Amino acid sequence: MARRKSRRKYSRSASRDVEKAMRKRKHGKLRSGKGGKGGRVKSRKQTIAIGLSEARKKGKKVPRKRTSRKRK
């Protein structure tokens, strides 16, 4: 049986953007909020989210943000 070639969910350049955000956080330079006017980011999950949203803004291959479904 032939194995199907898997496709990337995130582009390589998108993961580089996340890497940059991680490095910024490590050095204490990453800030949240519009224009970096918020507080300093300490959470790893928040760092990844910031990196992915920056990649999304640049038009890189990143899946859409999950939205909550409305209940009937």
C-alpha atoms as a PDB file:
ATOM      1  CA  MET A   1       0.000   0.000   0.000  1.00  0.00           C
ATOM      2  CA  ALA A   2       1.403   3.383  -1.039  1.00  0.00           C
ATOM      3  CA  ARG A   3       1.791   5.991   1.682  1.00  0.00           C
ATOM      4  CA  ARG A   4       0.158   9.330   0.977  1.00  0.00           C
ATOM      5  CA  LYS A   5       2.525  12.271   1.082  1.00  0.00           C
ATOM      6  CA  SER A   6       1.459  14.592   3.896  1.00  0.00           C
ATOM      7  CA  ARG A   7       1.058  18.287   3.247  1.00  0.00           C
ATOM      8  CA  ARG A   8       2.300  20.955   5.604  1.00  0.00           C
ATOM      9  CA  LYS A   9      -0.315  22.738   7.680  1.00  0.00           C
ATOM     10  CA  TYR A  10       2.016  25.682   8.327  1.00  0.00           C
ATOM     11  CA  SER A  11       4.618  27.003   5.883  1.00  0.00           C
ATOM     12  CA  ARG A  12       8.310  26.968   6.797  1.00  0.00           C
ATOM     13  CA  SER A  13       8.398  30.764   6.803  1.00  0.00           C
ATOM     14  CA  ALA A  14       5.442  30.822   9.218  1.00  0.00           C
ATOM     15  CA  SER A  15       7.346  28.609  11.635  1.00  0.00           C
ATOM     16  CA  ARG A  16      10.320  30.960  11.307  1.00  0.00           C
ATOM     17  CA  ASP A  17       8.052  33.834  12.382  1.00  0.00           C
ATOM     18  CA  VAL A  18       7.059  31.820  15.466  1.00  0.00           C
ATOM     19  CA  GLU A  19      10.753  31.128  16.131  1.00  0.00           C
ATOM     20  CA  LYS A  20      11.497  34.863  16.004  1.00  0.00           C
ATOM     21  CA  ALA A  21       8.671  35.562  18.463  1.00  0.00           C
ATOM     22  CA  MET A  22      10.040  32.870  20.810  1.00  0.00           C
ATOM     23  CA  ARG A  23      13.482  34.428  20.698  1.00  0.00           C
ATOM     24  CA  LYS A  24      12.026  37.880  21.400  1.00  0.00           C
ATOM     25  CA  ARG A  25      10.165  36.492  24.409  1.00  0.00           C
ATOM     26  CA  LYS A  26      13.303  34.812  25.708  1.00  0.00           C
ATOM     27  CA  HIS A  27      15.110  38.147  25.661  1.00  0.00           C
ATOM     28  CA  GLY A  28      12.122  39.882  27.298  1.00  0.00           C
ATOM     29  CA  LYS A  29      11.341  42.069  24.273  1.00  0.00           C
ATOM     30  CA  LEU A  30       7.989  40.575  23.224  1.00  0.00           C
ATOM     31  CA  ARG A  31       4.961  42.633  24.181  1.00  0.00           C
ATOM     32  CA  SER A  32       1.261  41.990  23.643  1.00  0.00           C
ATOM     33  CA  GLY A  33      -1.405  44.293  22.268  1.00  0.00           C
ATOM     34  CA  LYS A  34      -1.628  46.551  19.258  1.00  0.00           C
ATOM     35  CA  GLY A  35       1.726  48.105  18.450  1.00  0.00           C
ATOM     36  CA  GLY A  36       3.352  46.342  21.408  1.00  0.00           C
ATOM     37  CA  LYS A  37       1.749  48.724  23.877  1.00  0.00           C
ATOM     38  CA  GLY A  38       0.531  45.983  26.230  1.00  0.00           C
ATOM     39  CA  GLY A  39       2.348  44.070  28.918  1.00  0.00           C
ATOM     40  CA  ARG A  40       5.366  41.805  28.561  1.00  0.00           C
ATOM     41  CA  VAL A  41       4.541  38.291  27.321  1.00  0.00           C
ATOM     42  CA  LYS A  42       5.552  35.448  29.625  1.00  0.00           C
ATOM     43  CA  SER A  43       3.358  32.611  28.350  1.00  0.00           C
ATOM     44  CA  ARG A  44       4.715  30.200  25.709  1.00  0.00           C
ATOM     45  CA  LYS A  45       1.239  29.657  24.239  1.00  0.00           C
ATOM     46  CA  GLN A  46       0.669  33.393  23.868  1.00  0.00           C
ATOM     47  CA  THR A  47       4.052  33.711  22.145  1.00  0.00           C
ATOM     48  CA  ILE A  48       3.099  31.064  19.585  1.00  0.00           C
ATOM     49  CA  ALA A  49      -0.257  32.790  18.991  1.00  0.00           C
ATOM     50  CA  ILE A  50       1.494  36.139  18.386  1.00  0.00           C
ATOM     51  CA  GLY A  51       3.969  34.531  15.961  1.00  0.00           C
ATOM     52  CA  LEU A  52       1.175  32.840  14.006  1.00  0.00           C
ATOM     53  CA  SER A  53      -0.963  35.965  13.802  1.00  0.00           C
ATOM     54  CA  GLU A  54       2.030  37.939  12.482  1.00  0.00           C
ATOM     55  CA  ALA A  55       2.594  35.235   9.852  1.00  0.00           C
ATOM     56  CA  ARG A  56      -1.121  35.386   8.974  1.00  0.00           C
ATOM     57  CA  LYS A  57      -0.893  39.160   8.480  1.00  0.00           C
ATOM     58  CA  LYS A  58       2.046  38.668   6.089  1.00  0.00           C
ATOM     59  CA  GLY A  59      -0.106  36.261   4.059  1.00  0.00           C
ATOM     60  CA  LYS A  60       1.821  33.072   4.837  1.00  0.00           C
ATOM     61  CA  LYS A  61       0.288  29.609   4.879  1.00  0.00           C
ATOM     62  CA  VAL A  62      -1.328  29.349   8.315  1.00  0.00           C
ATOM     63  CA  PRO A  63      -4.724  27.753   9.038  1.00  0.00           C
ATOM     64  CA  ARG A  64      -7.576  30.083   9.924  1.00  0.00           C
ATOM     65  CA  LYS A  65      -8.130  31.080  13.522  1.00  0.00           C
ATOM     66  CA  ARG A  66     -10.701  28.886  15.275  1.00  0.00           C
ATOM     67  CA  THR A  67     -13.949  30.620  16.086  1.00  0.00           C
ATOM     68  CA  SER A  68     -16.513  29.456  18.611  1.00  0.00           C
ATOM     69  CA  ARG A  69     -19.730  28.086  17.214  1.00  0.00           C
ATOM     70  CA  LYS A  70     -23.044  29.599  18.181  1.00  0.00           C
ATOM     71  CA  ARG A  71     -25.403  27.256  19.987  1.00  0.00           C
ATOM     72  CA  LYS A  72     -29.065  27.074  19.065  1.00  0.00           C
END
